[in-house]
């Protein structure tokens, strides 16, 4: 049940973040659910491997390269999910930041209820 709740929260966060940003487009609820699923899977399986592989670069940039990795994963998700598109790398970085903020706020609201 918790996994389903987290998936729905992430889908809502994707929709809200895409609504706020003009460079990101989500065509509907199913695209938001698919995007949330793909981003979750990428964060669970691909991101840890990429973080280990890019550890020296991440250390040199004091962790700022993590933003680039997040943007690349967002762009990969936009290539895989029909109905979800990101205009470019910088929009992907901004989307990742806004998505993290909105997701955190929604999680806090759900836990408080």
C-alpha atoms as a PDB file:
ATOM      1  CA  UNK A   1       0.000   0.000   0.000  1.00  0.00           C
ATOM      2  CA  UNK A   2       2.854   2.369   0.798  1.00  0.00           C
ATOM      3  CA  UNK A   3       4.445   1.770  -2.611  1.00  0.00           C
ATOM      4  CA  UNK A   4       1.164   2.640  -4.333  1.00  0.00           C
ATOM      5  CA  UNK A   5       0.860   5.801  -2.244  1.00  0.00           C
ATOM      6  CA  UNK A   6       4.407   6.842  -3.112  1.00  0.00           C
ATOM      7  CA  UNK A   7       3.757   6.199  -6.806  1.00  0.00           C
ATOM      8  CA  UNK A   8       0.629   8.360  -6.776  1.00  0.00           C
ATOM      9  CA  UNK A   9       2.411  11.127  -4.855  1.00  0.00           C
ATOM     10  CA  UNK A  10       5.229  11.073  -7.399  1.00  0.00           C
ATOM     11  CA  UNK A  11       2.740  11.185 -10.297  1.00  0.00           C
ATOM     12  CA  UNK A  12       1.017  14.205  -8.766  1.00  0.00           C
ATOM     13  CA  UNK A  13       4.410  15.852  -8.234  1.00  0.00           C
ATOM     14  CA  UNK A  14       5.290  15.201 -11.890  1.00  0.00           C
ATOM     15  CA  UNK A  15       2.016  16.773 -13.007  1.00  0.00           C
ATOM     16  CA  UNK A  16       2.397  19.827 -10.783  1.00  0.00           C
ATOM     17  CA  UNK A  17       6.034  20.343 -11.768  1.00  0.00           C
ATOM     18  CA  UNK A  18       5.207  20.037 -15.462  1.00  0.00           C
ATOM     19  CA  UNK A  19       2.348  22.501 -15.049  1.00  0.00           C
ATOM     20  CA  UNK A  20       4.697  25.072 -13.497  1.00  0.00           C
ATOM     21  CA  UNK A  21       7.474  24.733 -16.087  1.00  0.00           C
ATOM     22  CA  UNK A  22       6.871  25.713 -19.719  1.00  0.00           C
ATOM     23  CA  UNK A  23       9.712  23.497 -20.986  1.00  0.00           C
ATOM     24  CA  UNK A  24       8.158  20.281 -19.669  1.00  0.00           C
ATOM     25  CA  UNK A  25       4.981  18.686 -20.999  1.00  0.00           C
ATOM     26  CA  UNK A  26       2.869  15.841 -19.606  1.00  0.00           C
ATOM     27  CA  UNK A  27      -0.077  14.905 -21.802  1.00  0.00           C
ATOM     28  CA  UNK A  28      -2.282  13.400 -19.090  1.00  0.00           C
ATOM     29  CA  UNK A  29      -2.681  11.316 -15.973  1.00  0.00           C
ATOM     30  CA  UNK A  30      -1.419   8.102 -17.569  1.00  0.00           C
ATOM     31  CA  UNK A  31       1.694   9.877 -18.827  1.00  0.00           C
ATOM     32  CA  UNK A  32       2.292  11.249 -15.314  1.00  0.00           C
ATOM     33  CA  UNK A  33       1.860   7.766 -13.800  1.00  0.00           C
ATOM     34  CA  UNK A  34       4.206   6.282 -16.407  1.00  0.00           C
ATOM     35  CA  UNK A  35       6.757   9.019 -15.829  1.00  0.00           C
ATOM     36  CA  UNK A  36       6.614   8.473 -12.073  1.00  0.00           C
ATOM     37  CA  UNK A  37       7.122   4.735 -12.583  1.00  0.00           C
ATOM     38  CA  UNK A  38      10.055   5.153 -14.981  1.00  0.00           C
ATOM     39  CA  UNK A  39      11.751   7.809 -12.814  1.00  0.00           C
ATOM     40  CA  UNK A  40      11.324   5.573  -9.780  1.00  0.00           C
ATOM     41  CA  UNK A  41      12.840   2.585 -11.564  1.00  0.00           C
ATOM     42  CA  UNK A  42      15.715   4.654 -12.935  1.00  0.00           C
ATOM     43  CA  UNK A  43      16.408   6.092  -9.485  1.00  0.00           C
ATOM     44  CA  UNK A  44      16.333   2.624  -7.936  1.00  0.00           C
ATOM     45  CA  UNK A  45      18.491   0.742 -10.443  1.00  0.00           C
ATOM     46  CA  UNK A  46      20.462   3.071 -12.740  1.00  0.00           C
ATOM     47  CA  UNK A  47      21.233   6.068 -10.513  1.00  0.00           C
ATOM     48  CA  UNK A  48      23.284   4.176  -7.887  1.00  0.00           C
ATOM     49  CA  UNK A  49      25.484   2.660 -10.595  1.00  0.00           C
ATOM     50  CA  UNK A  50      26.001   6.056 -12.240  1.00  0.00           C
ATOM     51  CA  UNK A  51      26.816   7.663  -8.902  1.00  0.00           C
ATOM     52  CA  UNK A  52      29.525   5.080  -8.230  1.00  0.00           C
ATOM     53  CA  UNK A  53      30.945   5.372 -11.745  1.00  0.00           C
ATOM     54  CA  UNK A  54      31.076   9.169 -11.604  1.00  0.00           C
ATOM     55  CA  UNK A  55      32.273   9.426  -8.008  1.00  0.00           C
ATOM     56  CA  UNK A  56      35.602  11.133  -8.848  1.00  0.00           C
ATOM     57  CA  UNK A  57      33.836  13.769 -10.961  1.00  0.00           C
ATOM     58  CA  UNK A  58      31.223  14.205  -8.273  1.00  0.00           C
ATOM     59  CA  UNK A  59      33.925  14.762  -5.657  1.00  0.00           C
ATOM     60  CA  UNK A  60      35.718  17.298  -7.880  1.00  0.00           C
ATOM     61  CA  UNK A  61      32.506  19.285  -8.354  1.00  0.00           C
ATOM     62  CA  UNK A  62      31.538  19.024  -4.658  1.00  0.00           C
ATOM     63  CA  UNK A  63      28.426  17.037  -5.531  1.00  0.00           C
ATOM     64  CA  UNK A  64      27.091  19.400  -8.190  1.00  0.00           C
ATOM     65  CA  UNK A  65      27.497  16.745 -10.885  1.00  0.00           C
ATOM     66  CA  UNK A  66      24.595  14.929  -9.220  1.00  0.00           C
ATOM     67  CA  UNK A  67      22.302  17.580 -10.733  1.00  0.00           C
ATOM     68  CA  UNK A  68      23.613  16.657 -14.181  1.00  0.00           C
ATOM     69  CA  UNK A  69      22.982  12.958 -13.496  1.00  0.00           C
ATOM     70  CA  UNK A  70      19.435  13.712 -12.373  1.00  0.00           C
ATOM     71  CA  UNK A  71      18.856  15.742 -15.541  1.00  0.00           C
ATOM     72  CA  UNK A  72      20.176  12.912 -17.703  1.00  0.00           C
ATOM     73  CA  UNK A  73      17.823  10.463 -15.997  1.00  0.00           C
ATOM     74  CA  UNK A  74      14.907  12.856 -16.567  1.00  0.00           C
ATOM     75  CA  UNK A  75      15.858  13.114 -20.253  1.00  0.00           C
ATOM     76  CA  UNK A  76      16.069   9.322 -20.451  1.00  0.00           C
ATOM     77  CA  UNK A  77      12.602   9.070 -18.919  1.00  0.00           C
ATOM     78  CA  UNK A  78      11.281  11.567 -21.468  1.00  0.00           C
ATOM     79  CA  UNK A  79      12.714   9.416 -24.262  1.00  0.00           C
ATOM     80  CA  UNK A  80      11.004   6.295 -22.907  1.00  0.00           C
ATOM     81  CA  UNK A  81       7.603   7.562 -21.746  1.00  0.00           C
ATOM     82  CA  UNK A  82       5.144   8.620 -24.444  1.00  0.00           C
ATOM     83  CA  UNK A  83       3.330  11.801 -23.487  1.00  0.00           C
ATOM     84  CA  UNK A  84       6.196  13.181 -21.395  1.00  0.00           C
ATOM     85  CA  UNK A  85       8.678  15.555 -22.971  1.00  0.00           C
ATOM     86  CA  UNK A  86      11.411  17.879 -21.759  1.00  0.00           C
ATOM     87  CA  UNK A  87      12.702  20.642 -24.024  1.00  0.00           C
ATOM     88  CA  UNK A  88      16.352  20.375 -23.074  1.00  0.00           C
ATOM     89  CA  UNK A  89      19.050  19.712 -20.515  1.00  0.00           C
ATOM     90  CA  UNK A  90      18.487  22.913 -18.500  1.00  0.00           C
ATOM     91  CA  UNK A  91      14.754  22.327 -18.331  1.00  0.00           C
ATOM     92  CA  UNK A  92      15.531  18.829 -17.065  1.00  0.00           C
ATOM     93  CA  UNK A  93      17.708  20.258 -14.273  1.00  0.00           C
ATOM     94  CA  UNK A  94      15.024  22.753 -13.258  1.00  0.00           C
ATOM     95  CA  UNK A  95      12.360  20.030 -13.484  1.00  0.00           C
ATOM     96  CA  UNK A  96      14.400  17.730 -11.222  1.00  0.00           C
ATOM     97  CA  UNK A  97      14.778  20.472  -8.603  1.00  0.00           C
ATOM     98  CA  UNK A  98      11.095  21.487  -8.700  1.00  0.00           C
ATOM     99  CA  UNK A  99      10.043  17.830  -8.697  1.00  0.00           C
ATOM    100  CA  UNK A 100      12.094  17.134  -5.568  1.00  0.00           C
ATOM    101  CA  UNK A 101      10.596  20.140  -3.764  1.00  0.00           C
ATOM    102  CA  UNK A 102       6.993  19.336  -4.732  1.00  0.00           C
ATOM    103  CA  UNK A 103       7.453  15.638  -3.905  1.00  0.00           C
ATOM    104  CA  UNK A 104       8.841  16.481  -0.463  1.00  0.00           C
ATOM    105  CA  UNK A 105       5.952  18.873   0.280  1.00  0.00           C
ATOM    106  CA  UNK A 106       3.341  16.319  -0.833  1.00  0.00           C
ATOM    107  CA  UNK A 107       4.976  13.577   1.242  1.00  0.00           C
ATOM    108  CA  UNK A 108       4.882  15.872   4.270  1.00  0.00           C
ATOM    109  CA  UNK A 109       1.206  16.593   3.716  1.00  0.00           C
ATOM    110  CA  UNK A 110       0.344  12.904   3.410  1.00  0.00           C
ATOM    111  CA  UNK A 111       2.308  11.986   6.533  1.00  0.00           C
ATOM    112  CA  UNK A 112       0.668  14.790   8.504  1.00  0.00           C
ATOM    113  CA  UNK A 113      -2.806  13.565   7.571  1.00  0.00           C
END
